[in-house]
Amino acid sequence: MSANEASNIFPVRAGKLHTIGRVVELLKPEFPDLSPSKVRFLEEQGLFSAFRTESGYRKYTDQHVERVKLILELQRDKFLPLRVIKTYLDDLDSGKQPTLPTETRRPSVNRKFTKVELIAESGINETLLAEAQAHGLISKEKFEYGDIEIARALMNLQRFGITARHLRGIKSAADRDLGLIQGVVNTVKKQRDPAAKSRAAAYAAEIESQFAVIRAELIRAVIDKID
C-alpha cells in the first residue's frame, strides 16, 4: 500500500460501527493471531483512537479496520516496530507524504532443524558446532533458525581467529540482558489487563532494541578511533 493510498483511509467517515470482536473477525483470516487484547494494545500505543459509547464501549469504523490492517501489514511484511509505524502514521495524519521506513530483522521461522540441516545451511563443521554447544551459544537438537544464524556468524569469525570459546562473555552478557527483560515482562504480565500479554511482548522487543543500540554504539565508538 502506498503512502497516498494509506493517507486516504484515515479520515473518519460516518458509517457502520463495529465492535472490537467484529474487527478481529474481519481481520483474522489474514492475521490468525489477532485478538481483542492486541487491538486494545495498539490503541493504547496511540496508533489510533476508537469511538466510545456513553457506556464506555469501544466502537470502530471501517476506516479503523483498514488502519489496523495497515499496522499489522507493516509489522508482518516490513518488520517495523510500533514506534516507527506510529511516526509514519502521525506524518500521514498531518498531511505529509513520508517515505515508508525500512527495517530488517531475521525472518520468523517456526520449524525445527536437524543437525544435518544446520550444517548444510550454515557450513559449520562438527568440531566448531560441538564447541559452540559446549559454551551455550548453540542449543542441542532440534535446532532453531537462530542457531543457524549463530553458526554462520561463527564460521565468519573464524577468519579472524575468533572461536566459540572467545564468545563466552557475549553469552553471559546476553543472559544478563535476558534477566533484565524478563524482570520487566513478568511484572507486566501479572497485570489484570486483557492487553498485558501484548504489552509485555512489545516491551521485550523495545528493550532488546535499545540494548542493541547501546552495544552497537559502544563498539562503534572504539572502532571509529582506529586509524
C-alpha atoms as a PDB file:
ATOM      1  CA  MET A   1       0.000   0.000   0.000  1.00  0.00           C
ATOM      2  CA  SER A   2       1.456   3.375  -0.979  1.00  0.00           C
ATOM      3  CA  ALA A   3       1.584   6.413   1.272  1.00  0.00           C
ATOM      4  CA  ASN A   4      -1.079   8.133  -0.817  1.00  0.00           C
ATOM      5  CA  GLU A   5      -3.367   5.133  -0.598  1.00  0.00           C
ATOM      6  CA  ALA A   6      -2.758   4.892   3.145  1.00  0.00           C
ATOM      7  CA  SER A   7      -3.486   8.560   3.805  1.00  0.00           C
ATOM      8  CA  ASN A   8      -6.845   8.279   2.088  1.00  0.00           C
ATOM      9  CA  ILE A   9      -8.133   5.710   4.550  1.00  0.00           C
ATOM     10  CA  PHE A  10      -7.543   7.651   7.732  1.00  0.00           C
ATOM     11  CA  PRO A  11     -10.139  10.460   7.689  1.00  0.00           C
ATOM     12  CA  VAL A  12     -13.033   9.108   9.756  1.00  0.00           C
ATOM     13  CA  ARG A  13     -16.269   8.970   7.792  1.00  0.00           C
ATOM     14  CA  ALA A  14     -19.765   8.278   9.051  1.00  0.00           C
ATOM     15  CA  GLY A  15     -20.946   4.734   8.604  1.00  0.00           C
ATOM     16  CA  LYS A  16     -21.480   1.449  10.358  1.00  0.00           C
ATOM     17  CA  LEU A  17     -19.686   0.998  13.659  1.00  0.00           C
ATOM     18  CA  HIS A  18     -18.100  -2.321  14.611  1.00  0.00           C
ATOM     19  CA  THR A  19     -17.420  -3.948  17.956  1.00  0.00           C
ATOM     20  CA  ILE A  20     -13.862  -4.987  18.780  1.00  0.00           C
ATOM     21  CA  GLY A  21     -14.919  -8.586  18.269  1.00  0.00           C
ATOM     22  CA  ARG A  22     -16.111  -7.774  14.756  1.00  0.00           C
ATOM     23  CA  VAL A  23     -12.791  -6.042  13.963  1.00  0.00           C
ATOM     24  CA  VAL A  24     -10.949  -9.212  14.961  1.00  0.00           C
ATOM     25  CA  GLU A  25     -13.379 -11.331  12.947  1.00  0.00           C
ATOM     26  CA  LEU A  26     -12.843  -9.212   9.820  1.00  0.00           C
ATOM     27  CA  LEU A  27      -9.040  -9.329  10.028  1.00  0.00           C
ATOM     28  CA  LYS A  28      -8.470 -12.794  11.476  1.00  0.00           C
ATOM     29  CA  PRO A  29      -8.419 -14.600   8.083  1.00  0.00           C
ATOM     30  CA  GLU A  30      -5.268 -12.632   7.197  1.00  0.00           C
ATOM     31  CA  PHE A  31      -3.923 -12.314  10.746  1.00  0.00           C
ATOM     32  CA  PRO A  32      -4.816 -15.547  12.589  1.00  0.00           C
ATOM     33  CA  ASP A  33      -3.094 -14.495  15.834  1.00  0.00           C
ATOM     34  CA  LEU A  34      -5.066 -11.260  16.165  1.00  0.00           C
ATOM     35  CA  SER A  35      -7.050 -10.898  19.397  1.00  0.00           C
ATOM     36  CA  PRO A  36      -9.120  -8.177  21.065  1.00  0.00           C
ATOM     37  CA  SER A  37      -6.265  -7.566  23.505  1.00  0.00           C
ATOM     38  CA  LYS A  38      -3.906  -6.907  20.581  1.00  0.00           C
ATOM     39  CA  VAL A  39      -6.325  -4.340  19.114  1.00  0.00           C
ATOM     40  CA  ARG A  40      -6.670  -2.655  22.505  1.00  0.00           C
ATOM     41  CA  PHE A  41      -2.900  -2.594  22.891  1.00  0.00           C
ATOM     42  CA  LEU A  42      -2.425  -0.891  19.506  1.00  0.00           C
ATOM     43  CA  GLU A  43      -4.869   1.790  20.618  1.00  0.00           C
ATOM     44  CA  GLU A  44      -3.022   2.207  23.938  1.00  0.00           C
ATOM     45  CA  GLN A  45       0.154   2.890  21.951  1.00  0.00           C
ATOM     46  CA  GLY A  46      -1.533   5.853  20.262  1.00  0.00           C
ATOM     47  CA  LEU A  47      -1.793   4.300  16.797  1.00  0.00           C
ATOM     48  CA  PHE A  48      -5.496   5.153  16.543  1.00  0.00           C
ATOM     49  CA  SER A  49      -8.439   6.170  18.717  1.00  0.00           C
ATOM     50  CA  ALA A  50     -11.693   4.234  18.749  1.00  0.00           C
ATOM     51  CA  PHE A  51     -15.055   5.834  19.351  1.00  0.00           C
ATOM     52  CA  ARG A  52     -16.522   5.375  22.816  1.00  0.00           C
ATOM     53  CA  THR A  53     -20.193   4.874  23.548  1.00  0.00           C
ATOM     54  CA  GLU A  54     -21.824   6.518  26.562  1.00  0.00           C
ATOM     55  CA  SER A  55     -21.344   3.210  28.341  1.00  0.00           C
ATOM     56  CA  GLY A  56     -17.623   3.257  27.563  1.00  0.00           C
ATOM     57  CA  TYR A  57     -17.574   0.520  24.918  1.00  0.00           C
ATOM     58  CA  ARG A  58     -15.159   0.823  22.019  1.00  0.00           C
ATOM     59  CA  LYS A  59     -16.638   1.149  18.534  1.00  0.00           C
ATOM     60  CA  TYR A  60     -14.738   1.088  15.249  1.00  0.00           C
ATOM     61  CA  THR A  61     -15.445   2.417  11.749  1.00  0.00           C
ATOM     62  CA  ASP A  62     -14.419   0.741   8.508  1.00  0.00           C
ATOM     63  CA  GLN A  63     -11.529   3.220   8.439  1.00  0.00           C
ATOM     64  CA  HIS A  64     -10.361   1.980  11.828  1.00  0.00           C
ATOM     65  CA  VAL A  65     -10.405  -1.570  10.482  1.00  0.00           C
ATOM     66  CA  GLU A  66      -8.319  -0.533   7.475  1.00  0.00           C
ATOM     67  CA  ARG A  67      -5.864   1.311   9.719  1.00  0.00           C
ATOM     68  CA  VAL A  68      -5.413  -1.691  11.985  1.00  0.00           C
ATOM     69  CA  LYS A  69      -4.894  -3.822   8.888  1.00  0.00           C
ATOM     70  CA  LEU A  70      -2.168  -1.458   7.655  1.00  0.00           C
ATOM     71  CA  ILE A  71      -0.431  -1.516  11.047  1.00  0.00           C
ATOM     72  CA  LEU A  72      -0.414  -5.309  11.087  1.00  0.00           C
ATOM     73  CA  GLU A  73       0.854  -5.431   7.499  1.00  0.00           C
ATOM     74  CA  LEU A  74       3.738  -3.094   8.329  1.00  0.00           C
ATOM     75  CA  GLN A  75       4.651  -5.270  11.300  1.00  0.00           C
ATOM     76  CA  ARG A  76       4.442  -8.526   9.366  1.00  0.00           C
ATOM     77  CA  ASP A  77       5.743  -7.563   5.920  1.00  0.00           C
ATOM     78  CA  LYS A  78       8.130  -4.683   6.659  1.00  0.00           C
ATOM     79  CA  PHE A  79       9.256  -5.845  10.120  1.00  0.00           C
ATOM     80  CA  LEU A  80       8.720  -2.354  11.533  1.00  0.00           C
ATOM     81  CA  PRO A  81       8.436  -1.748  15.303  1.00  0.00           C
ATOM     82  CA  LEU A  82       5.367   0.082  16.554  1.00  0.00           C
ATOM     83  CA  ARG A  83       7.288   3.273  17.397  1.00  0.00           C
ATOM     84  CA  VAL A  84       8.362   3.569  13.741  1.00  0.00           C
ATOM     85  CA  ILE A  85       4.852   2.777  12.490  1.00  0.00           C
ATOM     86  CA  LYS A  86       3.386   5.421  14.817  1.00  0.00           C
ATOM     87  CA  THR A  87       5.721   8.111  13.472  1.00  0.00           C
ATOM     88  CA  TYR A  88       4.802   7.136   9.920  1.00  0.00           C
ATOM     89  CA  LEU A  89       1.062   7.267  10.659  1.00  0.00           C
ATOM     90  CA  ASP A  90       1.370  10.553  12.552  1.00  0.00           C
ATOM     91  CA  ASP A  91       3.043  12.069   9.499  1.00  0.00           C
ATOM     92  CA  LEU A  92       0.259  10.780   7.262  1.00  0.00           C
ATOM     93  CA  ASP A  93      -2.387  12.153   9.623  1.00  0.00           C
ATOM     94  CA  SER A  94      -0.756  15.587   9.497  1.00  0.00           C
ATOM     95  CA  GLY A  95      -0.988  15.654   5.685  1.00  0.00           C
ATOM     96  CA  LYS A  96       2.630  14.792   4.942  1.00  0.00           C
ATOM     97  CA  GLN A  97       3.740  12.169   2.434  1.00  0.00           C
ATOM     98  CA  PRO A  98       6.534  10.409   4.324  1.00  0.00           C
ATOM     99  CA  THR A  99       8.700   7.732   2.815  1.00  0.00           C
ATOM    100  CA  LEU A 100       7.970   4.405   4.401  1.00  0.00           C
ATOM    101  CA  PRO A 101      10.971   3.472   6.558  1.00  0.00           C
ATOM    102  CA  THR A 102      12.623   0.118   6.188  1.00  0.00           C
ATOM    103  CA  GLU A 103      13.909  -2.066   8.960  1.00  0.00           C
ATOM    104  CA  THR A 104      15.051  -5.642   8.666  1.00  0.00           C
ATOM    105  CA  ARG A 105      15.229  -8.467  11.138  1.00  0.00           C
ATOM    106  CA  ARG A 106      15.588 -12.174  10.837  1.00  0.00           C
ATOM    107  CA  PRO A 107      12.547 -13.913   9.325  1.00  0.00           C
ATOM    108  CA  SER A 108      10.113 -15.738  11.562  1.00  0.00           C
ATOM    109  CA  VAL A 109      10.824 -19.438  11.067  1.00  0.00           C
ATOM    110  CA  ASN A 110       8.867 -21.751  13.339  1.00  0.00           C
ATOM    111  CA  ARG A 111      10.213 -25.077  12.078  1.00  0.00           C
ATOM    112  CA  LYS A 112      12.966 -27.071  13.737  1.00  0.00           C
ATOM    113  CA  PHE A 113      16.154 -28.212  12.000  1.00  0.00           C
ATOM    114  CA  THR A 114      18.200 -31.393  12.231  1.00  0.00           C
ATOM    115  CA  LYS A 115      21.954 -31.433  12.707  1.00  0.00           C
ATOM    116  CA  VAL A 116      22.414 -32.308   9.051  1.00  0.00           C
ATOM    117  CA  GLU A 117      20.233 -29.341   8.007  1.00  0.00           C
ATOM    118  CA  LEU A 118      22.083 -26.986  10.367  1.00  0.00           C
ATOM    119  CA  ILE A 119      25.449 -27.965   8.902  1.00  0.00           C
ATOM    120  CA  ALA A 120      24.128 -27.726   5.341  1.00  0.00           C
ATOM    121  CA  GLU A 121      22.562 -24.287   5.909  1.00  0.00           C
ATOM    122  CA  SER A 122      25.471 -22.700   7.786  1.00  0.00           C
ATOM    123  CA  GLY A 123      28.571 -24.545   6.596  1.00  0.00           C
ATOM    124  CA  ILE A 124      29.687 -25.103  10.191  1.00  0.00           C
ATOM    125  CA  ASN A 125      31.806 -28.195  10.876  1.00  0.00           C
ATOM    126  CA  GLU A 126      31.110 -30.676  13.658  1.00  0.00           C
ATOM    127  CA  THR A 127      34.119 -29.604  15.748  1.00  0.00           C
ATOM    128  CA  LEU A 128      33.077 -25.945  15.802  1.00  0.00           C
ATOM    129  CA  LEU A 129      29.453 -26.944  16.394  1.00  0.00           C
ATOM    130  CA  ALA A 130      30.409 -29.045  19.414  1.00  0.00           C
ATOM    131  CA  GLU A 131      32.483 -26.156  20.808  1.00  0.00           C
ATOM    132  CA  ALA A 132      29.608 -23.719  20.324  1.00  0.00           C
ATOM    133  CA  GLN A 133      27.242 -26.070  22.119  1.00  0.00           C
ATOM    134  CA  ALA A 134      29.718 -26.562  24.964  1.00  0.00           C
ATOM    135  CA  HIS A 135      29.779 -22.796  25.545  1.00  0.00           C
ATOM    136  CA  GLY A 136      25.986 -22.456  25.295  1.00  0.00           C
ATOM    137  CA  LEU A 137      25.975 -20.483  22.040  1.00  0.00           C
ATOM    138  CA  ILE A 138      24.011 -23.091  20.089  1.00  0.00           C
ATOM    139  CA  SER A 139      21.315 -25.327  21.517  1.00  0.00           C
ATOM    140  CA  LYS A 140      21.019 -29.081  21.207  1.00  0.00           C
ATOM    141  CA  GLU A 141      18.920 -30.758  18.520  1.00  0.00           C
ATOM    142  CA  LYS A 142      16.341 -29.931  17.345  1.00  0.00           C
ATOM    143  CA  PHE A 143      17.790 -26.623  16.218  1.00  0.00           C
ATOM    144  CA  GLU A 144      16.010 -23.314  15.628  1.00  0.00           C
ATOM    145  CA  TYR A 145      16.619 -20.723  12.918  1.00  0.00           C
ATOM    146  CA  GLY A 146      18.599 -18.603  15.381  1.00  0.00           C
ATOM    147  CA  ASP A 147      21.055 -21.474  15.794  1.00  0.00           C
ATOM    148  CA  ILE A 148      21.705 -21.377  12.043  1.00  0.00           C
ATOM    149  CA  GLU A 149      22.379 -17.636  12.176  1.00  0.00           C
ATOM    150  CA  ILE A 150      24.809 -18.071  15.075  1.00  0.00           C
ATOM    151  CA  ALA A 151      26.553 -20.931  13.261  1.00  0.00           C
ATOM    152  CA  ARG A 152      27.007 -18.733  10.173  1.00  0.00           C
ATOM    153  CA  ALA A 153      28.443 -15.932  12.304  1.00  0.00           C
ATOM    154  CA  LEU A 154      30.879 -18.324  13.974  1.00  0.00           C
ATOM    155  CA  MET A 155      32.067 -19.520  10.582  1.00  0.00           C
ATOM    156  CA  ASN A 156      32.697 -15.914   9.514  1.00  0.00           C
ATOM    157  CA  LEU A 157      34.516 -15.069  12.749  1.00  0.00           C
ATOM    158  CA  GLN A 158      36.918 -17.956  12.235  1.00  0.00           C
ATOM    159  CA  ARG A 159      38.637 -15.834   9.578  1.00  0.00           C
ATOM    160  CA  PHE A 160      39.782 -13.525  12.370  1.00  0.00           C
ATOM    161  CA  GLY A 161      40.879 -16.271  14.719  1.00  0.00           C
ATOM    162  CA  ILE A 162      37.774 -15.857  16.910  1.00  0.00           C
ATOM    163  CA  THR A 163      36.208 -19.083  18.127  1.00  0.00           C
ATOM    164  CA  ALA A 164      33.278 -20.027  20.342  1.00  0.00           C
ATOM    165  CA  ARG A 165      35.395 -20.025  23.500  1.00  0.00           C
ATOM    166  CA  HIS A 166      36.193 -16.340  22.922  1.00  0.00           C
ATOM    167  CA  LEU A 167      32.488 -15.525  22.981  1.00  0.00           C
ATOM    168  CA  ARG A 168      31.646 -16.731  26.477  1.00  0.00           C
ATOM    169  CA  GLY A 169      31.383 -13.092  27.558  1.00  0.00           C
ATOM    170  CA  ILE A 170      28.756 -12.430  24.904  1.00  0.00           C
ATOM    171  CA  LYS A 171      26.717 -15.378  26.158  1.00  0.00           C
ATOM    172  CA  SER A 172      26.996 -14.160  29.763  1.00  0.00           C
ATOM    173  CA  ALA A 173      26.002 -10.635  28.748  1.00  0.00           C
ATOM    174  CA  ALA A 174      23.032 -11.980  26.779  1.00  0.00           C
ATOM    175  CA  ASP A 175      21.887 -13.951  29.827  1.00  0.00           C
ATOM    176  CA  ARG A 176      22.091 -10.802  31.961  1.00  0.00           C
ATOM    177  CA  ASP A 177      20.131  -8.834  29.359  1.00  0.00           C
ATOM    178  CA  LEU A 178      17.514 -11.565  29.269  1.00  0.00           C
ATOM    179  CA  GLY A 179      17.216 -11.415  33.038  1.00  0.00           C
ATOM    180  CA  LEU A 180      16.511  -7.672  32.885  1.00  0.00           C
ATOM    181  CA  ILE A 181      13.931  -8.148  30.130  1.00  0.00           C
ATOM    182  CA  GLN A 182      12.198 -10.967  31.974  1.00  0.00           C
ATOM    183  CA  GLY A 183      12.004  -8.845  35.105  1.00  0.00           C
ATOM    184  CA  VAL A 184      10.065  -6.160  33.236  1.00  0.00           C
ATOM    185  CA  VAL A 185       7.957  -8.597  31.233  1.00  0.00           C
ATOM    186  CA  ASN A 186       6.948 -10.709  34.228  1.00  0.00           C
ATOM    187  CA  THR A 187       5.754  -7.609  36.084  1.00  0.00           C
ATOM    188  CA  VAL A 188       3.642  -6.503  33.107  1.00  0.00           C
ATOM    189  CA  LYS A 189       2.188  -9.979  32.540  1.00  0.00           C
ATOM    190  CA  LYS A 190       0.918 -10.066  36.125  1.00  0.00           C
ATOM    191  CA  GLN A 191      -1.293  -7.049  35.496  1.00  0.00           C
ATOM    192  CA  ARG A 192      -5.000  -7.813  35.344  1.00  0.00           C
ATOM    193  CA  ASP A 193      -5.405  -6.337  31.913  1.00  0.00           C
ATOM    194  CA  PRO A 194      -6.503  -8.094  28.695  1.00  0.00           C
ATOM    195  CA  ALA A 195      -3.758  -6.250  26.799  1.00  0.00           C
ATOM    196  CA  ALA A 196      -0.989  -7.198  29.263  1.00  0.00           C
ATOM    197  CA  LYS A 197       0.378 -10.056  27.152  1.00  0.00           C
ATOM    198  CA  SER A 198       0.661  -7.894  24.029  1.00  0.00           C
ATOM    199  CA  ARG A 199       2.172  -5.063  26.061  1.00  0.00           C
ATOM    200  CA  ALA A 200       4.757  -7.419  27.575  1.00  0.00           C
ATOM    201  CA  ALA A 201       5.810  -8.695  24.139  1.00  0.00           C
ATOM    202  CA  ALA A 202       6.140  -5.157  22.795  1.00  0.00           C
ATOM    203  CA  TYR A 203       8.140  -4.027  25.831  1.00  0.00           C
ATOM    204  CA  ALA A 204      10.503  -7.000  25.471  1.00  0.00           C
ATOM    205  CA  ALA A 205      11.113  -6.190  21.793  1.00  0.00           C
ATOM    206  CA  GLU A 206      11.667  -2.492  22.560  1.00  0.00           C
ATOM    207  CA  ILE A 207      14.099  -3.183  25.418  1.00  0.00           C
ATOM    208  CA  GLU A 208      16.070  -5.612  23.249  1.00  0.00           C
ATOM    209  CA  SER A 209      16.183  -3.000  20.501  1.00  0.00           C
ATOM    210  CA  GLN A 210      17.580  -0.372  22.872  1.00  0.00           C
ATOM    211  CA  PHE A 211      20.147  -2.837  24.244  1.00  0.00           C
ATOM    212  CA  ALA A 212      21.268  -3.460  20.656  1.00  0.00           C
ATOM    213  CA  VAL A 213      21.688   0.286  20.074  1.00  0.00           C
ATOM    214  CA  ILE A 214      23.844   0.671  23.178  1.00  0.00           C
ATOM    215  CA  ARG A 215      26.022  -2.329  22.312  1.00  0.00           C
ATOM    216  CA  ALA A 216      26.497  -1.127  18.746  1.00  0.00           C
ATOM    217  CA  GLU A 217      27.379   2.423  19.772  1.00  0.00           C
ATOM    218  CA  LEU A 218      29.863   1.312  22.435  1.00  0.00           C
ATOM    219  CA  ILE A 219      31.671  -0.856  19.903  1.00  0.00           C
ATOM    220  CA  ARG A 220      31.434   1.760  17.148  1.00  0.00           C
ATOM    221  CA  ALA A 221      32.951   4.430  19.422  1.00  0.00           C
ATOM    222  CA  VAL A 222      36.097   2.334  19.687  1.00  0.00           C
ATOM    223  CA  ILE A 223      36.139   1.336  16.021  1.00  0.00           C
ATOM    224  CA  ASP A 224      35.888   4.964  14.951  1.00  0.00           C
ATOM    225  CA  LYS A 225      39.163   5.664  16.772  1.00  0.00           C
ATOM    226  CA  ILE A 226      41.052   3.054  14.784  1.00  0.00           C
ATOM    227  CA  ASP A 227      43.386   4.773  12.309  1.00  0.00           C
END
